[in-house]
mmCIF file of all heavy atoms, coordinates in Angstrom:
data_MODEL
# 
_entry.id   MODEL 
# 
loop_
_atom_site.group_PDB 
_atom_site.id 
_atom_site.type_symbol 
_atom_site.label_atom_id 
_atom_site.label_alt_id 
_atom_site.label_comp_id 
_atom_site.label_asym_id 
_atom_site.label_entity_id 
_atom_site.label_seq_id 
_atom_site.pdbx_PDB_ins_code 
_atom_site.Cartn_x 
_atom_site.Cartn_y 
_atom_site.Cartn_z 
_atom_site.occupancy 
_atom_site.B_iso_or_equiv 
_atom_site.pdbx_formal_charge 
_atom_site.auth_seq_id 
_atom_site.auth_comp_id 
_atom_site.auth_asym_id 
_atom_site.auth_atom_id 
_atom_site.pdbx_PDB_model_num 
ATOM 1   N N   . TYR A 1 1  ? 65.222 69.907 151.676 1.00 0.00 ? 1  TYR A N   1 
ATOM 2   C CA  . TYR A 1 1  ? 64.526 70.295 150.387 1.00 0.00 ? 1  TYR A CA  1 
ATOM 3   C C   . TYR A 1 1  ? 63.513 69.215 150.073 1.00 0.00 ? 1  TYR A C   1 
ATOM 4   O O   . TYR A 1 1  ? 62.282 69.463 149.642 1.00 0.00 ? 1  TYR A O   1 
ATOM 5   C CB  . TYR A 1 1  ? 65.634 70.325 149.394 1.00 0.00 ? 1  TYR A CB  1 
ATOM 6   C CG  . TYR A 1 1  ? 65.087 70.346 148.013 1.00 0.00 ? 1  TYR A CG  1 
ATOM 7   C CD1 . TYR A 1 1  ? 64.648 71.484 147.413 1.00 0.00 ? 1  TYR A CD1 1 
ATOM 8   C CD2 . TYR A 1 1  ? 65.043 69.114 147.126 1.00 0.00 ? 1  TYR A CD2 1 
ATOM 9   C CE1 . TYR A 1 1  ? 64.133 71.468 146.110 1.00 0.00 ? 1  TYR A CE1 1 
ATOM 10  C CE2 . TYR A 1 1  ? 64.622 69.172 145.916 1.00 0.00 ? 1  TYR A CE2 1 
ATOM 11  C CZ  . TYR A 1 1  ? 64.118 70.378 145.431 1.00 0.00 ? 1  TYR A CZ  1 
ATOM 12  O OH  . TYR A 1 1  ? 63.507 70.390 144.090 1.00 0.00 ? 1  TYR A OH  1 
ATOM 13  N N   . ARG A 1 2  ? 63.938 67.923 150.114 1.00 0.00 ? 2  ARG A N   1 
ATOM 14  C CA  . ARG A 1 2  ? 63.137 66.744 149.833 1.00 0.00 ? 2  ARG A CA  1 
ATOM 15  C C   . ARG A 1 2  ? 61.805 66.792 150.640 1.00 0.00 ? 2  ARG A C   1 
ATOM 16  O O   . ARG A 1 2  ? 60.681 66.463 150.297 1.00 0.00 ? 2  ARG A O   1 
ATOM 17  C CB  . ARG A 1 2  ? 63.826 65.431 149.934 1.00 0.00 ? 2  ARG A CB  1 
ATOM 18  C CG  . ARG A 1 2  ? 64.893 65.405 148.784 1.00 0.00 ? 2  ARG A CG  1 
ATOM 19  C CD  . ARG A 1 2  ? 65.579 64.071 148.857 1.00 0.00 ? 2  ARG A CD  1 
ATOM 20  N NE  . ARG A 1 2  ? 66.655 63.869 147.921 1.00 0.00 ? 2  ARG A NE  1 
ATOM 21  C CZ  . ARG A 1 2  ? 67.373 62.780 147.710 1.00 0.00 ? 2  ARG A CZ  1 
ATOM 22  N NH1 . ARG A 1 2  ? 67.287 61.774 148.545 1.00 0.00 ? 2  ARG A NH1 1 
ATOM 23  N NH2 . ARG A 1 2  ? 68.324 62.793 146.698 1.00 0.00 ? 2  ARG A NH2 1 
ATOM 24  N N   . ARG A 1 3  ? 61.964 67.101 151.866 1.00 0.00 ? 3  ARG A N   1 
ATOM 25  C CA  . ARG A 1 3  ? 60.810 67.079 152.829 1.00 0.00 ? 3  ARG A CA  1 
ATOM 26  C C   . ARG A 1 3  ? 59.814 68.145 152.463 1.00 0.00 ? 3  ARG A C   1 
ATOM 27  O O   . ARG A 1 3  ? 58.674 67.833 152.435 1.00 0.00 ? 3  ARG A O   1 
ATOM 28  C CB  . ARG A 1 3  ? 61.318 67.232 154.267 1.00 0.00 ? 3  ARG A CB  1 
ATOM 29  C CG  . ARG A 1 3  ? 60.249 67.035 155.282 1.00 0.00 ? 3  ARG A CG  1 
ATOM 30  C CD  . ARG A 1 3  ? 60.728 67.353 156.683 1.00 0.00 ? 3  ARG A CD  1 
ATOM 31  N NE  . ARG A 1 3  ? 61.838 66.484 157.149 1.00 0.00 ? 3  ARG A NE  1 
ATOM 32  C CZ  . ARG A 1 3  ? 63.051 66.959 157.248 1.00 0.00 ? 3  ARG A CZ  1 
ATOM 33  N NH1 . ARG A 1 3  ? 63.317 68.283 157.115 1.00 0.00 ? 3  ARG A NH1 1 
ATOM 34  N NH2 . ARG A 1 3  ? 64.058 66.159 157.574 1.00 0.00 ? 3  ARG A NH2 1 
ATOM 35  N N   . ARG A 1 4  ? 60.302 69.352 152.098 1.00 0.00 ? 4  ARG A N   1 
ATOM 36  C CA  . ARG A 1 4  ? 59.375 70.354 151.771 1.00 0.00 ? 4  ARG A CA  1 
ATOM 37  C C   . ARG A 1 4  ? 58.718 70.031 150.408 1.00 0.00 ? 4  ARG A C   1 
ATOM 38  O O   . ARG A 1 4  ? 57.550 70.320 150.273 1.00 0.00 ? 4  ARG A O   1 
ATOM 39  C CB  . ARG A 1 4  ? 60.126 71.727 151.638 1.00 0.00 ? 4  ARG A CB  1 
ATOM 40  C CG  . ARG A 1 4  ? 60.553 72.295 153.091 1.00 0.00 ? 4  ARG A CG  1 
ATOM 41  C CD  . ARG A 1 4  ? 61.033 73.863 152.847 1.00 0.00 ? 4  ARG A CD  1 
ATOM 42  N NE  . ARG A 1 4  ? 62.172 73.902 151.952 1.00 0.00 ? 4  ARG A NE  1 
ATOM 43  C CZ  . ARG A 1 4  ? 63.443 73.769 152.417 1.00 0.00 ? 4  ARG A CZ  1 
ATOM 44  N NH1 . ARG A 1 4  ? 63.744 73.603 153.630 1.00 0.00 ? 4  ARG A NH1 1 
ATOM 45  N NH2 . ARG A 1 4  ? 64.405 73.983 151.596 1.00 0.00 ? 4  ARG A NH2 1 
ATOM 46  N N   . ARG A 1 5  ? 59.401 69.498 149.525 1.00 0.00 ? 5  ARG A N   1 
ATOM 47  C CA  . ARG A 1 5  ? 58.845 69.166 148.219 1.00 0.00 ? 5  ARG A CA  1 
ATOM 48  C C   . ARG A 1 5  ? 57.751 68.111 148.393 1.00 0.00 ? 5  ARG A C   1 
ATOM 49  O O   . ARG A 1 5  ? 56.766 68.173 147.731 1.00 0.00 ? 5  ARG A O   1 
ATOM 50  C CB  . ARG A 1 5  ? 60.027 68.614 147.298 1.00 0.00 ? 5  ARG A CB  1 
ATOM 51  C CG  . ARG A 1 5  ? 59.427 68.448 145.788 1.00 0.00 ? 5  ARG A CG  1 
ATOM 52  C CD  . ARG A 1 5  ? 60.608 68.103 144.965 1.00 0.00 ? 5  ARG A CD  1 
ATOM 53  N NE  . ARG A 1 5  ? 60.185 67.927 143.576 1.00 0.00 ? 5  ARG A NE  1 
ATOM 54  C CZ  . ARG A 1 5  ? 60.104 68.794 142.684 1.00 0.00 ? 5  ARG A CZ  1 
ATOM 55  N NH1 . ARG A 1 5  ? 60.303 70.145 143.062 1.00 0.00 ? 5  ARG A NH1 1 
ATOM 56  N NH2 . ARG A 1 5  ? 59.650 68.666 141.520 1.00 0.00 ? 5  ARG A NH2 1 
ATOM 57  N N   . GLY A 1 6  ? 58.051 67.102 149.197 1.00 0.00 ? 6  GLY A N   1 
ATOM 58  C CA  . GLY A 1 6  ? 57.019 66.017 149.562 1.00 0.00 ? 6  GLY A CA  1 
ATOM 59  C C   . GLY A 1 6  ? 55.699 66.687 150.166 1.00 0.00 ? 6  GLY A C   1 
ATOM 60  O O   . GLY A 1 6  ? 54.626 66.297 149.822 1.00 0.00 ? 6  GLY A O   1 
ATOM 61  N N   . ARG A 1 7  ? 55.951 67.635 151.095 1.00 0.00 ? 7  ARG A N   1 
ATOM 62  C CA  . ARG A 1 7  ? 54.761 68.264 151.721 1.00 0.00 ? 7  ARG A CA  1 
ATOM 63  C C   . ARG A 1 7  ? 53.996 69.083 150.539 1.00 0.00 ? 7  ARG A C   1 
ATOM 64  O O   . ARG A 1 7  ? 52.697 69.146 150.676 1.00 0.00 ? 7  ARG A O   1 
ATOM 65  C CB  . ARG A 1 7  ? 55.291 69.274 152.750 1.00 0.00 ? 7  ARG A CB  1 
ATOM 66  C CG  . ARG A 1 7  ? 55.734 68.615 153.936 1.00 0.00 ? 7  ARG A CG  1 
ATOM 67  C CD  . ARG A 1 7  ? 56.381 69.554 154.979 1.00 0.00 ? 7  ARG A CD  1 
ATOM 68  N NE  . ARG A 1 7  ? 56.831 68.798 156.178 1.00 0.00 ? 7  ARG A NE  1 
ATOM 69  C CZ  . ARG A 1 7  ? 57.576 69.497 157.170 1.00 0.00 ? 7  ARG A CZ  1 
ATOM 70  N NH1 . ARG A 1 7  ? 57.771 70.822 156.946 1.00 0.00 ? 7  ARG A NH1 1 
ATOM 71  N NH2 . ARG A 1 7  ? 57.933 68.804 158.165 1.00 0.00 ? 7  ARG A NH2 1 
ATOM 72  N N   . LEU A 1 8  ? 54.679 69.708 149.642 1.00 0.00 ? 8  LEU A N   1 
ATOM 73  C CA  . LEU A 1 8  ? 53.939 70.455 148.535 1.00 0.00 ? 8  LEU A CA  1 
ATOM 74  C C   . LEU A 1 8  ? 53.150 69.552 147.749 1.00 0.00 ? 8  LEU A C   1 
ATOM 75  O O   . LEU A 1 8  ? 51.898 69.757 147.390 1.00 0.00 ? 8  LEU A O   1 
ATOM 76  C CB  . LEU A 1 8  ? 54.929 71.112 147.758 1.00 0.00 ? 8  LEU A CB  1 
ATOM 77  C CG  . LEU A 1 8  ? 55.662 72.400 148.247 1.00 0.00 ? 8  LEU A CG  1 
ATOM 78  C CD1 . LEU A 1 8  ? 56.694 72.940 147.415 1.00 0.00 ? 8  LEU A CD1 1 
ATOM 79  C CD2 . LEU A 1 8  ? 54.608 73.488 148.571 1.00 0.00 ? 8  LEU A CD2 1 
ATOM 80  N N   . ARG A 1 9  ? 53.675 68.268 147.533 1.00 0.00 ? 9  ARG A N   1 
ATOM 81  C CA  . ARG A 1 9  ? 52.926 67.312 146.689 1.00 0.00 ? 9  ARG A CA  1 
ATOM 82  C C   . ARG A 1 9  ? 51.666 66.828 147.450 1.00 0.00 ? 9  ARG A C   1 
ATOM 83  O O   . ARG A 1 9  ? 50.514 66.791 146.881 1.00 0.00 ? 9  ARG A O   1 
ATOM 84  C CB  . ARG A 1 9  ? 53.798 66.182 146.286 1.00 0.00 ? 9  ARG A CB  1 
ATOM 85  C CG  . ARG A 1 9  ? 54.822 66.505 145.259 1.00 0.00 ? 9  ARG A CG  1 
ATOM 86  C CD  . ARG A 1 9  ? 55.745 65.346 145.055 1.00 0.00 ? 9  ARG A CD  1 
ATOM 87  N NE  . ARG A 1 9  ? 56.736 65.638 144.074 1.00 0.00 ? 9  ARG A NE  1 
ATOM 88  C CZ  . ARG A 1 9  ? 57.785 64.787 143.762 1.00 0.00 ? 9  ARG A CZ  1 
ATOM 89  N NH1 . ARG A 1 9  ? 57.944 63.563 144.436 1.00 0.00 ? 9  ARG A NH1 1 
ATOM 90  N NH2 . ARG A 1 9  ? 58.622 65.040 142.760 1.00 0.00 ? 9  ARG A NH2 1 
ATOM 91  N N   . ILE A 1 10 ? 51.793 66.603 148.751 1.00 0.00 ? 10 ILE A N   1 
ATOM 92  C CA  . ILE A 1 10 ? 50.671 66.221 149.604 1.00 0.00 ? 10 ILE A CA  1 
ATOM 93  C C   . ILE A 1 10 ? 49.566 67.285 149.506 1.00 0.00 ? 10 ILE A C   1 
ATOM 94  O O   . ILE A 1 10 ? 48.367 67.039 149.485 1.00 0.00 ? 10 ILE A O   1 
ATOM 95  C CB  . ILE A 1 10 ? 51.150 65.810 150.883 1.00 0.00 ? 10 ILE A CB  1 
ATOM 96  C CG1 . ILE A 1 10 ? 52.005 64.545 150.874 1.00 0.00 ? 10 ILE A CG1 1 
ATOM 97  C CG2 . ILE A 1 10 ? 49.962 65.557 151.942 1.00 0.00 ? 10 ILE A CG2 1 
ATOM 98  C CD1 . ILE A 1 10 ? 52.618 64.128 152.110 1.00 0.00 ? 10 ILE A CD1 1 
ATOM 99  N N   . GLY A 1 11 ? 50.121 68.560 149.754 1.00 0.00 ? 11 GLY A N   1 
ATOM 100 C CA  . GLY A 1 11 ? 49.091 69.607 149.866 1.00 0.00 ? 11 GLY A CA  1 
ATOM 101 C C   . GLY A 1 11 ? 48.301 69.767 148.561 1.00 0.00 ? 11 GLY A C   1 
ATOM 102 O O   . GLY A 1 11 ? 47.194 70.071 148.581 1.00 0.00 ? 11 GLY A O   1 
ATOM 103 N N   . ARG A 1 12 ? 49.025 69.628 147.295 1.00 0.00 ? 12 ARG A N   1 
ATOM 104 C CA  . ARG A 1 12 ? 48.363 69.737 146.031 1.00 0.00 ? 12 ARG A CA  1 
ATOM 105 C C   . ARG A 1 12 ? 47.268 68.587 146.003 1.00 0.00 ? 12 ARG A C   1 
ATOM 106 O O   . ARG A 1 12 ? 46.215 68.806 145.500 1.00 0.00 ? 12 ARG A O   1 
ATOM 107 C CB  . ARG A 1 12 ? 49.426 69.621 144.933 1.00 0.00 ? 12 ARG A CB  1 
ATOM 108 C CG  . ARG A 1 12 ? 50.147 70.922 144.756 1.00 0.00 ? 12 ARG A CG  1 
ATOM 109 C CD  . ARG A 1 12 ? 50.998 70.768 143.428 1.00 0.00 ? 12 ARG A CD  1 
ATOM 110 N NE  . ARG A 1 12 ? 51.966 71.875 143.403 1.00 0.00 ? 12 ARG A NE  1 
ATOM 111 C CZ  . ARG A 1 12 ? 53.306 71.665 143.652 1.00 0.00 ? 12 ARG A CZ  1 
ATOM 112 N NH1 . ARG A 1 12 ? 53.803 70.385 143.822 1.00 0.00 ? 12 ARG A NH1 1 
ATOM 113 N NH2 . ARG A 1 12 ? 54.194 72.555 143.504 1.00 0.00 ? 12 ARG A NH2 1 
ATOM 114 N N   . LEU A 1 13 ? 47.692 67.349 146.461 1.00 0.00 ? 13 LEU A N   1 
ATOM 115 C CA  . LEU A 1 13 ? 46.699 66.243 146.403 1.00 0.00 ? 13 LEU A CA  1 
ATOM 116 C C   . LEU A 1 13 ? 45.489 66.531 147.302 1.00 0.00 ? 13 LEU A C   1 
ATOM 117 O O   . LEU A 1 13 ? 44.383 66.219 146.921 1.00 0.00 ? 13 LEU A O   1 
ATOM 118 C CB  . LEU A 1 13 ? 47.458 64.946 146.885 1.00 0.00 ? 13 LEU A CB  1 
ATOM 119 C CG  . LEU A 1 13 ? 46.645 63.637 146.860 1.00 0.00 ? 13 LEU A CG  1 
ATOM 120 C CD1 . LEU A 1 13 ? 46.131 63.433 145.394 1.00 0.00 ? 13 LEU A CD1 1 
ATOM 121 C CD2 . LEU A 1 13 ? 47.489 62.530 147.341 1.00 0.00 ? 13 LEU A CD2 1 
ATOM 122 N N   . VAL A 1 14 ? 45.703 67.099 148.402 1.00 0.00 ? 14 VAL A N   1 
ATOM 123 C CA  . VAL A 1 14 ? 44.674 67.324 149.342 1.00 0.00 ? 14 VAL A CA  1 
ATOM 124 C C   . VAL A 1 14 ? 43.661 68.361 148.841 1.00 0.00 ? 14 VAL A C   1 
ATOM 125 O O   . VAL A 1 14 ? 42.451 68.188 148.750 1.00 0.00 ? 14 VAL A O   1 
ATOM 126 C CB  . VAL A 1 14 ? 45.106 67.896 150.646 1.00 0.00 ? 14 VAL A CB  1 
ATOM 127 C CG1 . VAL A 1 14 ? 43.952 68.373 151.601 1.00 0.00 ? 14 VAL A CG1 1 
ATOM 128 C CG2 . VAL A 1 14 ? 45.869 66.758 151.469 1.00 0.00 ? 14 VAL A CG2 1 
ATOM 129 N N   . ILE A 1 15 ? 44.256 69.422 148.029 1.00 0.00 ? 15 ILE A N   1 
ATOM 130 C CA  . ILE A 1 15 ? 43.403 70.393 147.436 1.00 0.00 ? 15 ILE A CA  1 
ATOM 131 C C   . ILE A 1 15 ? 42.590 69.746 146.390 1.00 0.00 ? 15 ILE A C   1 
ATOM 132 O O   . ILE A 1 15 ? 41.468 70.098 146.182 1.00 0.00 ? 15 ILE A O   1 
ATOM 133 C CB  . ILE A 1 15 ? 44.365 71.587 146.912 1.00 0.00 ? 15 ILE A CB  1 
ATOM 134 C CG1 . ILE A 1 15 ? 44.807 72.373 148.029 1.00 0.00 ? 15 ILE A CG1 1 
ATOM 135 C CG2 . ILE A 1 15 ? 43.514 72.505 146.007 1.00 0.00 ? 15 ILE A CG2 1 
ATOM 136 C CD1 . ILE A 1 15 ? 45.936 73.356 147.688 1.00 0.00 ? 15 ILE A CD1 1 
ATOM 137 N N   . LEU A 1 16 ? 43.131 68.925 145.580 1.00 0.00 ? 16 LEU A N   1 
ATOM 138 C CA  . LEU A 1 16 ? 42.449 68.310 144.411 1.00 0.00 ? 16 LEU A CA  1 
ATOM 139 C C   . LEU A 1 16 ? 41.300 67.344 145.000 1.00 0.00 ? 16 LEU A C   1 
ATOM 140 O O   . LEU A 1 16 ? 40.160 67.395 144.610 1.00 0.00 ? 16 LEU A O   1 
ATOM 141 C CB  . LEU A 1 16 ? 43.347 67.267 143.715 1.00 0.00 ? 16 LEU A CB  1 
ATOM 142 C CG  . LEU A 1 16 ? 44.360 68.180 142.770 1.00 0.00 ? 16 LEU A CG  1 
ATOM 143 C CD1 . LEU A 1 16 ? 45.307 67.180 142.110 1.00 0.00 ? 16 LEU A CD1 1 
ATOM 144 C CD2 . LEU A 1 16 ? 43.636 68.924 141.724 1.00 0.00 ? 16 LEU A CD2 1 
ATOM 145 N N   . ILE A 1 17 ? 41.530 66.621 146.139 1.00 0.00 ? 17 ILE A N   1 
ATOM 146 C CA  . ILE A 1 17 ? 40.479 65.850 146.774 1.00 0.00 ? 17 ILE A CA  1 
ATOM 147 C C   . ILE A 1 17 ? 39.365 66.796 147.309 1.00 0.00 ? 17 ILE A C   1 
ATOM 148 O O   . ILE A 1 17 ? 38.200 66.368 147.082 1.00 0.00 ? 17 ILE A O   1 
ATOM 149 C CB  . ILE A 1 17 ? 41.159 65.011 147.893 1.00 0.00 ? 17 ILE A CB  1 
ATOM 150 C CG1 . ILE A 1 17 ? 42.081 63.951 147.464 1.00 0.00 ? 17 ILE A CG1 1 
ATOM 151 C CG2 . ILE A 1 17 ? 40.046 64.332 148.707 1.00 0.00 ? 17 ILE A CG2 1 
ATOM 152 C CD1 . ILE A 1 17 ? 42.885 63.268 148.367 1.00 0.00 ? 17 ILE A CD1 1 
ATOM 153 N N   . LEU A 1 18 ? 39.750 67.770 147.920 1.00 0.00 ? 18 LEU A N   1 
ATOM 154 C CA  . LEU A 1 18 ? 38.699 68.771 148.394 1.00 0.00 ? 18 LEU A CA  1 
ATOM 155 C C   . LEU A 1 18 ? 37.805 69.385 147.283 1.00 0.00 ? 18 LEU A C   1 
ATOM 156 O O   . LEU A 1 18 ? 36.685 69.535 147.344 1.00 0.00 ? 18 LEU A O   1 
ATOM 157 C CB  . LEU A 1 18 ? 39.300 69.891 149.189 1.00 0.00 ? 18 LEU A CB  1 
ATOM 158 C CG  . LEU A 1 18 ? 39.842 69.479 150.519 1.00 0.00 ? 18 LEU A CG  1 
ATOM 159 C CD1 . LEU A 1 18 ? 40.563 70.653 151.185 1.00 0.00 ? 18 LEU A CD1 1 
ATOM 160 C CD2 . LEU A 1 18 ? 38.882 68.905 151.471 1.00 0.00 ? 18 LEU A CD2 1 
ATOM 161 N N   . ILE A 1 19 ? 38.426 69.687 146.114 1.00 0.00 ? 19 ILE A N   1 
ATOM 162 C CA  . ILE A 1 19 ? 37.783 70.292 145.021 1.00 0.00 ? 19 ILE A CA  1 
ATOM 163 C C   . ILE A 1 19 ? 36.810 69.121 144.411 1.00 0.00 ? 19 ILE A C   1 
ATOM 164 O O   . ILE A 1 19 ? 35.600 69.369 144.172 1.00 0.00 ? 19 ILE A O   1 
ATOM 165 C CB  . ILE A 1 19 ? 38.746 70.679 143.918 1.00 0.00 ? 19 ILE A CB  1 
ATOM 166 C CG1 . ILE A 1 19 ? 39.558 71.950 144.251 1.00 0.00 ? 19 ILE A CG1 1 
ATOM 167 C CG2 . ILE A 1 19 ? 37.956 70.918 142.635 1.00 0.00 ? 19 ILE A CG2 1 
ATOM 168 C CD1 . ILE A 1 19 ? 40.644 72.349 143.454 1.00 0.00 ? 19 ILE A CD1 1 
ATOM 169 N N   . PHE A 1 20 ? 37.256 67.863 144.409 1.00 0.00 ? 20 PHE A N   1 
ATOM 170 C CA  . PHE A 1 20 ? 36.571 66.773 143.813 1.00 0.00 ? 20 PHE A CA  1 
ATOM 171 C C   . PHE A 1 20 ? 35.391 66.516 144.787 1.00 0.00 ? 20 PHE A C   1 
ATOM 172 O O   . PHE A 1 20 ? 34.169 66.405 144.353 1.00 0.00 ? 20 PHE A O   1 
ATOM 173 C CB  . PHE A 1 20 ? 37.376 65.551 143.761 1.00 0.00 ? 20 PHE A CB  1 
ATOM 174 C CG  . PHE A 1 20 ? 36.661 64.235 143.194 1.00 0.00 ? 20 PHE A CG  1 
ATOM 175 C CD1 . PHE A 1 20 ? 36.326 64.277 141.905 1.00 0.00 ? 20 PHE A CD1 1 
ATOM 176 C CD2 . PHE A 1 20 ? 36.147 63.372 144.181 1.00 0.00 ? 20 PHE A CD2 1 
ATOM 177 C CE1 . PHE A 1 20 ? 35.518 63.070 141.424 1.00 0.00 ? 20 PHE A CE1 1 
ATOM 178 C CE2 . PHE A 1 20 ? 35.357 62.256 143.781 1.00 0.00 ? 20 PHE A CE2 1 
ATOM 179 C CZ  . PHE A 1 20 ? 35.177 62.108 142.320 1.00 0.00 ? 20 PHE A CZ  1 
ATOM 180 N N   . ALA A 1 21 ? 35.547 66.581 146.110 1.00 0.00 ? 21 ALA A N   1 
ATOM 181 C CA  . ALA A 1 21 ? 34.480 66.399 147.069 1.00 0.00 ? 21 ALA A CA  1 
ATOM 182 C C   . ALA A 1 21 ? 33.520 67.464 146.955 1.00 0.00 ? 21 ALA A C   1 
ATOM 183 O O   . ALA A 1 21 ? 32.261 67.194 147.022 1.00 0.00 ? 21 ALA A O   1 
ATOM 184 C CB  . ALA A 1 21 ? 35.079 66.322 148.487 1.00 0.00 ? 21 ALA A CB  1 
ATOM 185 N N   . ALA A 1 22 ? 33.903 68.663 146.801 1.00 0.00 ? 22 ALA A N   1 
ATOM 186 C CA  . ALA A 1 22 ? 32.929 69.769 146.621 1.00 0.00 ? 22 ALA A CA  1 
ATOM 187 C C   . ALA A 1 22 ? 32.102 69.622 145.400 1.00 0.00 ? 22 ALA A C   1 
ATOM 188 O O   . ALA A 1 22 ? 30.892 69.945 145.433 1.00 0.00 ? 22 ALA A O   1 
ATOM 189 C CB  . ALA A 1 22 ? 33.740 71.186 146.600 1.00 0.00 ? 22 ALA A CB  1 
ATOM 190 N N   . ILE A 1 23 ? 32.744 69.219 144.362 1.00 0.00 ? 23 ILE A N   1 
ATOM 191 C CA  . ILE A 1 23 ? 31.907 68.872 143.116 1.00 0.00 ? 23 ILE A CA  1 
ATOM 192 C C   . ILE A 1 23 ? 30.852 67.819 143.273 1.00 0.00 ? 23 ILE A C   1 
ATOM 193 O O   . ILE A 1 23 ? 29.657 67.949 142.966 1.00 0.00 ? 23 ILE A O   1 
ATOM 194 C CB  . ILE A 1 23 ? 32.809 68.522 141.919 1.00 0.00 ? 23 ILE A CB  1 
ATOM 195 C CG1 . ILE A 1 23 ? 33.726 69.657 141.452 1.00 0.00 ? 23 ILE A CG1 1 
ATOM 196 C CG2 . ILE A 1 23 ? 31.932 67.997 140.652 1.00 0.00 ? 23 ILE A CG2 1 
ATOM 197 C CD1 . ILE A 1 23 ? 34.824 69.424 140.525 1.00 0.00 ? 23 ILE A CD1 1 
ATOM 198 N N   . VAL A 1 24 ? 31.209 66.709 144.042 1.00 0.00 ? 24 VAL A N   1 
ATOM 199 C CA  . VAL A 1 24 ? 30.306 65.731 144.227 1.00 0.00 ? 24 VAL A CA  1 
ATOM 200 C C   . VAL A 1 24 ? 29.104 66.143 145.197 1.00 0.00 ? 24 VAL A C   1 
ATOM 201 O O   . VAL A 1 24 ? 27.950 65.940 144.812 1.00 0.00 ? 24 VAL A O   1 
ATOM 202 C CB  . VAL A 1 24 ? 31.039 64.475 144.997 1.00 0.00 ? 24 VAL A CB  1 
ATOM 203 C CG1 . VAL A 1 24 ? 29.933 63.462 145.450 1.00 0.00 ? 24 VAL A CG1 1 
ATOM 204 C CG2 . VAL A 1 24 ? 32.077 63.870 144.062 1.00 0.00 ? 24 VAL A CG2 1 
ATOM 205 N N   . VAL A 1 25 ? 29.451 66.953 146.214 1.00 0.00 ? 25 VAL A N   1 
ATOM 206 C CA  . VAL A 1 25 ? 28.479 67.396 147.074 1.00 0.00 ? 25 VAL A CA  1 
ATOM 207 C C   . VAL A 1 25 ? 27.450 68.329 146.329 1.00 0.00 ? 25 VAL A C   1 
ATOM 208 O O   . VAL A 1 25 ? 26.292 68.254 146.553 1.00 0.00 ? 25 VAL A O   1 
ATOM 209 C CB  . VAL A 1 25 ? 29.030 68.204 148.223 1.00 0.00 ? 25 VAL A CB  1 
ATOM 210 C CG1 . VAL A 1 25 ? 28.021 68.960 149.111 1.00 0.00 ? 25 VAL A CG1 1 
ATOM 211 C CG2 . VAL A 1 25 ? 29.807 67.307 149.208 1.00 0.00 ? 25 VAL A CG2 1 
ATOM 212 N N   . GLY A 1 26 ? 28.038 69.212 145.430 1.00 0.00 ? 26 GLY A N   1 
ATOM 213 C CA  . GLY A 1 26 ? 27.207 69.958 144.526 1.00 0.00 ? 26 GLY A CA  1 
ATOM 214 C C   . GLY A 1 26 ? 26.250 69.337 143.771 1.00 0.00 ? 26 GLY A C   1 
ATOM 215 O O   . GLY A 1 26 ? 25.196 69.559 143.575 1.00 0.00 ? 26 GLY A O   1 
ATOM 216 N N   . ILE A 1 27 ? 26.835 68.111 143.215 1.00 0.00 ? 27 ILE A N   1 
ATOM 217 C CA  . ILE A 1 27 ? 25.817 67.258 142.391 1.00 0.00 ? 27 ILE A CA  1 
ATOM 218 C C   . ILE A 1 27 ? 24.819 66.665 143.180 1.00 0.00 ? 27 ILE A C   1 
ATOM 219 O O   . ILE A 1 27 ? 23.581 66.597 142.814 1.00 0.00 ? 27 ILE A O   1 
ATOM 220 C CB  . ILE A 1 27 ? 26.741 66.271 141.599 1.00 0.00 ? 27 ILE A CB  1 
ATOM 221 C CG1 . ILE A 1 27 ? 27.656 66.859 140.539 1.00 0.00 ? 27 ILE A CG1 1 
ATOM 222 C CG2 . ILE A 1 27 ? 25.789 65.096 140.950 1.00 0.00 ? 27 ILE A CG2 1 
ATOM 223 C CD1 . ILE A 1 27 ? 28.611 65.952 140.031 1.00 0.00 ? 27 ILE A CD1 1 
# 
């Protein structure tokens, strides 16, 4: 359980980083 939950948190963080990077590139 804990391993899967950690992976979910990392995945959300990666998605947020990618969204932020896309915004910067767009600017």
